[in-house]
Amino acid sequence: MNFTKLLLALVSLALLFGCTQNTPGFSFNQPFQVKEGVTYQVSDLSIRVISFSDSRCPIGVQCIWQGELGVNLQVNDNNVHLGEINKSASIDMKQNVVSLTLVSIDTNQAEIIVTSTPWDQVVCKTDIKTCSDGSLITRDPPLCNFALCPDEK
């Protein structure tokens, strides 16, 4: 009887702890390694590595384009899907702009850095775009994309 209770308790504990899944975390402004199929989380922000893509020219083949090696990341904030990125990108999130920078990449793992900057501290490059009508436009915070030209509105 005691053996049965002990066995039942051990099986219950094994099921309880064996079925929990630890989600690896990361720190802002610190590089960390990511692997395919793994979700990394800090607070409400999660980054899932969907896949790695390799379109590089095979050895011994002459190509007109060298190709590239990339990582496809899915970014969610508080369970809201914010999009997928293949390279470095910035994503507009509530009161912050989160930037993901690809530091290095191999065929099955990558190293990225995630930074978070409050909107009011975002500083954009000061370059200027010339529109087809001759007008000049600058970049708009928080994502620092160029504003639309008058003929694009």
Protein backbone atom coordinates (compact mmCIF):
# COMPACT_ATOMS: atom_id res chain seq x y z
CA MET A 1 0.00 0.00 0.00
CA ASN A 2 2.76 2.47 0.94
CA PHE A 3 4.74 1.41 -2.11
CA THR A 4 1.73 2.17 -4.35
CA LYS A 5 1.31 5.66 -2.84
CA LEU A 6 5.03 6.34 -3.21
CA LEU A 7 4.99 5.15 -6.82
CA LEU A 8 1.93 7.28 -7.57
CA ALA A 9 3.56 10.33 -5.99
CA LEU A 10 6.77 9.81 -8.00
CA VAL A 11 4.85 9.40 -11.27
CA SER A 12 2.83 12.54 -10.48
CA LEU A 13 5.99 14.54 -9.80
CA ALA A 14 7.65 13.22 -12.96
CA LEU A 15 4.64 14.25 -15.03
CA LEU A 16 4.44 17.64 -13.36
CA PHE A 17 8.09 18.53 -13.79
CA GLY A 18 8.69 16.56 -16.97
CA CYS A 19 5.98 18.42 -18.88
CA THR A 20 7.06 21.94 -17.99
CA GLN A 21 8.96 23.71 -20.70
CA ASN A 22 11.56 26.32 -19.90
CA THR A 23 11.66 29.22 -22.33
CA PRO A 24 15.19 30.61 -22.57
CA GLY A 25 15.47 34.29 -21.83
CA PHE A 26 17.77 37.00 -23.12
CA SER A 27 19.04 40.39 -22.00
CA PHE A 28 18.68 43.61 -23.93
CA ASN A 29 21.90 45.01 -25.41
CA GLN A 30 23.71 41.67 -24.99
CA PRO A 31 24.42 39.28 -27.86
CA PHE A 32 22.87 35.83 -27.53
CA GLN A 33 22.77 32.66 -29.62
CA VAL A 34 19.50 31.55 -31.24
CA LYS A 35 18.61 28.20 -32.80
CA GLU A 36 15.81 27.08 -35.09
CA GLY A 37 12.52 26.15 -33.42
CA VAL A 38 13.36 27.79 -30.09
CA THR A 39 11.45 30.71 -28.56
CA TYR A 40 13.37 33.24 -26.45
CA GLN A 41 11.50 35.53 -24.10
CA VAL A 42 11.97 38.53 -21.84
CA SER A 43 8.92 40.11 -20.20
CA ASP A 44 6.12 40.19 -22.84
CA LEU A 45 8.52 40.14 -25.80
CA SER A 46 9.18 36.79 -27.46
CA ILE A 47 11.40 35.95 -30.42
CA ARG A 48 10.98 32.60 -32.18
CA VAL A 49 13.46 31.34 -34.74
CA ILE A 50 11.30 30.07 -37.62
CA SER A 51 14.04 28.96 -39.99
CA PHE A 52 17.45 29.60 -41.47
CA SER A 53 17.71 30.27 -45.20
CA ASP A 54 20.80 29.61 -47.28
CA SER A 55 20.78 30.80 -50.88
CA ARG A 56 24.56 31.00 -51.19
CA CYS A 57 26.23 29.84 -54.37
CA PRO A 58 27.34 26.19 -54.01
CA ILE A 59 31.07 25.44 -54.09
CA GLY A 60 32.31 24.68 -57.59
CA VAL A 61 29.40 26.47 -59.29
CA GLN A 62 29.64 29.84 -61.03
CA CYS A 63 26.75 32.08 -60.00
CA ILE A 64 25.76 35.59 -61.05
CA TRP A 65 24.77 36.36 -57.43
CA GLN A 66 26.65 35.11 -54.38
CA GLY A 67 23.42 34.57 -52.42
CA GLU A 68 22.97 35.08 -48.70
CA LEU A 69 22.52 33.31 -45.41
CA GLY A 70 19.62 34.58 -43.30
CA VAL A 71 17.44 33.86 -40.28
CA ASN A 72 13.66 34.21 -40.20
CA LEU A 73 12.49 35.47 -36.78
CA GLN A 74 8.93 35.80 -35.52
CA VAL A 75 8.52 38.61 -32.98
CA ASN A 76 5.57 38.84 -30.59
CA ASP A 77 4.72 41.38 -27.91
CA ASN A 78 2.22 40.26 -25.29
CA ASN A 79 0.97 37.53 -27.67
CA VAL A 80 0.45 40.05 -30.52
CA HIS A 81 2.32 38.99 -33.66
CA LEU A 82 4.51 41.92 -34.76
CA GLY A 83 5.93 40.37 -37.89
CA GLU A 84 8.74 38.29 -39.22
CA ILE A 85 12.16 39.56 -40.20
CA ASN A 86 15.00 38.08 -42.20
CA LYS A 87 17.80 40.47 -41.31
CA SER A 88 18.30 43.37 -38.93
CA ALA A 89 15.13 45.36 -38.35
CA SER A 90 13.34 47.73 -36.02
CA ILE A 91 9.81 47.11 -34.79
CA ASP A 92 7.45 49.72 -33.35
CA MET A 93 6.13 48.48 -30.00
CA LYS A 94 3.81 50.50 -27.77
CA GLN A 95 6.18 53.01 -26.14
CA ASN A 96 9.46 51.58 -27.47
CA VAL A 97 11.25 50.74 -30.66
CA VAL A 98 12.82 47.29 -30.47
CA SER A 99 15.76 46.70 -32.79
CA LEU A 100 17.10 43.28 -33.68
CA THR A 101 20.62 43.21 -35.09
CA LEU A 102 22.14 40.13 -36.68
CA VAL A 103 25.72 39.87 -35.36
CA SER A 104 26.77 36.56 -36.91
CA ILE A 105 25.17 33.58 -38.57
CA ASP A 106 25.93 29.98 -39.43
CA THR A 107 23.74 27.41 -41.16
CA ASN A 108 21.99 26.37 -37.93
CA GLN A 109 22.49 29.16 -35.39
CA ALA A 110 22.78 32.93 -35.26
CA GLU A 111 23.85 35.56 -32.77
CA ILE A 112 21.59 38.59 -32.37
CA ILE A 113 21.38 41.67 -30.16
CA VAL A 114 18.02 43.09 -29.11
CA THR A 115 17.82 46.72 -28.03
CA SER A 116 14.82 48.67 -26.77
CA THR A 117 14.69 52.46 -27.10
CA PRO A 118 11.85 54.71 -25.86
CA TRP A 119 10.18 56.62 -28.72
CA ASP A 120 11.25 60.00 -27.39
CA GLN A 121 14.92 58.94 -27.46
CA VAL A 122 14.98 57.66 -31.05
CA VAL A 123 17.38 59.65 -33.23
CA CYS A 124 17.21 59.07 -36.99
CA LYS A 125 19.96 59.54 -39.57
CA THR A 126 19.93 63.00 -41.11
CA ASP A 127 20.02 61.89 -44.74
CA ILE A 128 17.52 63.37 -47.20
CA LYS A 129 15.56 61.77 -50.05
CA THR A 130 14.73 63.69 -53.21
CA CYS A 131 11.23 63.03 -54.54
CA SER A 132 10.33 62.93 -58.23
CA ASP A 133 8.76 66.42 -57.96
CA GLY A 134 12.02 67.82 -56.53
CA SER A 135 10.83 68.10 -52.94
CA LEU A 136 13.05 66.82 -50.12
CA ILE A 137 11.93 64.57 -47.28
CA THR A 138 13.62 63.31 -44.12
CA ARG A 139 13.24 60.22 -41.98
CA ASP A 140 10.38 59.99 -39.46
CA PRO A 141 10.81 58.56 -35.95
CA PRO A 142 10.31 56.13 -34.37
CA LEU A 143 11.29 53.62 -37.12
CA CYS A 144 13.27 56.18 -39.13
CA ASN A 145 11.70 55.31 -42.47
CA PHE A 146 11.47 58.08 -45.07
CA ALA A 147 8.18 59.95 -45.10
CA LEU A 148 6.09 59.49 -48.25
CA CYS A 149 6.75 61.77 -51.19
CA PRO A 150 3.80 63.98 -52.20
CA ASP A 151 3.14 61.80 -55.27
CA GLU A 152 3.11 58.63 -53.09
CA LYS A 153 0.37 59.82 -50.70
